[in-house]
Amino acid sequence: MLLDIVLGDVPSLAGTPPVWVLVNTLGATPSMEAFIVLRAVASRLDALGIEIGRRLVGAHDQRALDRSE
């Protein structure tokens, strides 16, 4: 899972304040699939003892991607 690669680059998050999880669909992925991804991420973080404080799912700000001119 890509999450394991990301978590490998940060110090242990167990016992820290809750983290935010953002699943960005970029406007192309169906919401149901995004929530399936969120469920898998939440399960993995729970197994690692990392608490989720906020979950964000949907098409979020894409301006940074539009600057490829």
C-alpha atoms as a PDB file:
ATOM      1  CA  MET A   1       0.000   0.000   0.000  1.00  0.00           C
ATOM      2  CA  LEU A   2       1.297   3.462  -0.866  1.00  0.00           C
ATOM      3  CA  LEU A   3       0.515   4.503   2.704  1.00  0.00           C
ATOM      4  CA  ASP A   4       3.290   2.222   3.995  1.00  0.00           C
ATOM      5  CA  ILE A   5       5.828   4.012   1.776  1.00  0.00           C
ATOM      6  CA  VAL A   6       4.687   7.420   3.066  1.00  0.00           C
ATOM      7  CA  LEU A   7       4.749   6.282   6.694  1.00  0.00           C
ATOM      8  CA  GLY A   8       8.245   4.887   6.179  1.00  0.00           C
ATOM      9  CA  ASP A   9       9.479   8.443   5.565  1.00  0.00           C
ATOM     10  CA  VAL A  10       8.156   9.924   8.813  1.00  0.00           C
ATOM     11  CA  PRO A  11       8.959   9.183  12.432  1.00  0.00           C
ATOM     12  CA  SER A  12       6.507   7.080  14.410  1.00  0.00           C
ATOM     13  CA  LEU A  13       3.106   8.735  14.666  1.00  0.00           C
ATOM     14  CA  ALA A  14       1.779   6.443  17.391  1.00  0.00           C
ATOM     15  CA  GLY A  15       0.851   8.474  20.444  1.00  0.00           C
ATOM     16  CA  THR A  16       0.879  11.808  18.571  1.00  0.00           C
ATOM     17  CA  PRO A  17      -2.106  14.121  18.104  1.00  0.00           C
ATOM     18  CA  PRO A  18      -4.697  12.830  15.611  1.00  0.00           C
ATOM     19  CA  VAL A  19      -3.777  13.043  11.925  1.00  0.00           C
ATOM     20  CA  TRP A  20      -5.907  14.193   9.000  1.00  0.00           C
ATOM     21  CA  VAL A  21      -6.524  11.854   6.072  1.00  0.00           C
ATOM     22  CA  LEU A  22      -7.252  13.335   2.638  1.00  0.00           C
ATOM     23  CA  VAL A  23      -8.424  11.109  -0.210  1.00  0.00           C
ATOM     24  CA  ASN A  24      -8.498  13.380  -3.253  1.00  0.00           C
ATOM     25  CA  THR A  25     -10.535  12.058  -6.170  1.00  0.00           C
ATOM     26  CA  LEU A  26      -9.325  14.881  -8.429  1.00  0.00           C
ATOM     27  CA  GLY A  27     -12.900  14.936  -9.712  1.00  0.00           C
ATOM     28  CA  ALA A  28     -12.472  11.691 -11.674  1.00  0.00           C
ATOM     29  CA  THR A  29     -12.720   8.857  -9.143  1.00  0.00           C
ATOM     30  CA  PRO A  30     -16.220   7.849  -8.028  1.00  0.00           C
ATOM     31  CA  SER A  31     -16.983   8.682  -4.394  1.00  0.00           C
ATOM     32  CA  MET A  32     -17.660   5.031  -3.554  1.00  0.00           C
ATOM     33  CA  GLU A  33     -14.116   4.080  -4.600  1.00  0.00           C
ATOM     34  CA  ALA A  34     -12.668   6.961  -2.588  1.00  0.00           C
ATOM     35  CA  PHE A  35     -14.502   5.778   0.530  1.00  0.00           C
ATOM     36  CA  ILE A  36     -13.182   2.252  -0.039  1.00  0.00           C
ATOM     37  CA  VAL A  37      -9.655   3.710  -0.076  1.00  0.00           C
ATOM     38  CA  LEU A  38     -10.432   5.701   3.077  1.00  0.00           C
ATOM     39  CA  ARG A  39     -11.637   2.551   4.827  1.00  0.00           C
ATOM     40  CA  ALA A  40      -8.386   0.731   3.930  1.00  0.00           C
ATOM     41  CA  VAL A  41      -6.249   3.674   5.100  1.00  0.00           C
ATOM     42  CA  ALA A  42      -8.207   3.983   8.363  1.00  0.00           C
ATOM     43  CA  SER A  43      -7.805   0.262   9.013  1.00  0.00           C
ATOM     44  CA  ARG A  44      -4.040   0.421   8.419  1.00  0.00           C
ATOM     45  CA  LEU A  45      -3.591   3.497  10.626  1.00  0.00           C
ATOM     46  CA  ASP A  46      -5.677   1.899  13.378  1.00  0.00           C
ATOM     47  CA  ALA A  47      -3.443  -1.184  13.246  1.00  0.00           C
ATOM     48  CA  LEU A  48      -0.438   1.114  13.730  1.00  0.00           C
ATOM     49  CA  GLY A  49      -2.041   2.932  16.679  1.00  0.00           C
ATOM     50  CA  ILE A  50      -2.447   6.196  14.754  1.00  0.00           C
ATOM     51  CA  GLU A  51      -5.668   8.103  15.491  1.00  0.00           C
ATOM     52  CA  ILE A  52      -7.500   9.910  12.689  1.00  0.00           C
ATOM     53  CA  GLY A  53      -8.811  13.321  13.697  1.00  0.00           C
ATOM     54  CA  ARG A  54     -10.455  14.298  10.417  1.00  0.00           C
ATOM     55  CA  ARG A  55     -11.340  12.501   7.204  1.00  0.00           C
ATOM     56  CA  LEU A  56     -11.656  14.430   3.940  1.00  0.00           C
ATOM     57  CA  VAL A  57     -12.904  12.736   0.761  1.00  0.00           C
ATOM     58  CA  GLY A  58     -13.743  14.341  -2.573  1.00  0.00           C
ATOM     59  CA  ALA A  59     -12.450  16.611  -5.302  1.00  0.00           C
ATOM     60  CA  HIS A  60     -10.208  19.105  -3.540  1.00  0.00           C
ATOM     61  CA  ASP A  61      -8.207  22.106  -4.764  1.00  0.00           C
ATOM     62  CA  GLN A  62      -6.401  21.213  -7.974  1.00  0.00           C
ATOM     63  CA  ARG A  63      -4.696  24.523  -8.715  1.00  0.00           C
ATOM     64  CA  ALA A  64      -1.242  23.125  -7.994  1.00  0.00           C
ATOM     65  CA  LEU A  65      -1.738  20.494 -10.695  1.00  0.00           C
ATOM     66  CA  ASP A  66      -2.927  23.064 -13.225  1.00  0.00           C
ATOM     67  CA  ARG A  67       0.431  24.877 -13.205  1.00  0.00           C
ATOM     68  CA  SER A  68       2.151  22.482 -15.595  1.00  0.00           C
ATOM     69  CA  GLU A  69       2.221  25.103 -18.379  1.00  0.00           C
END
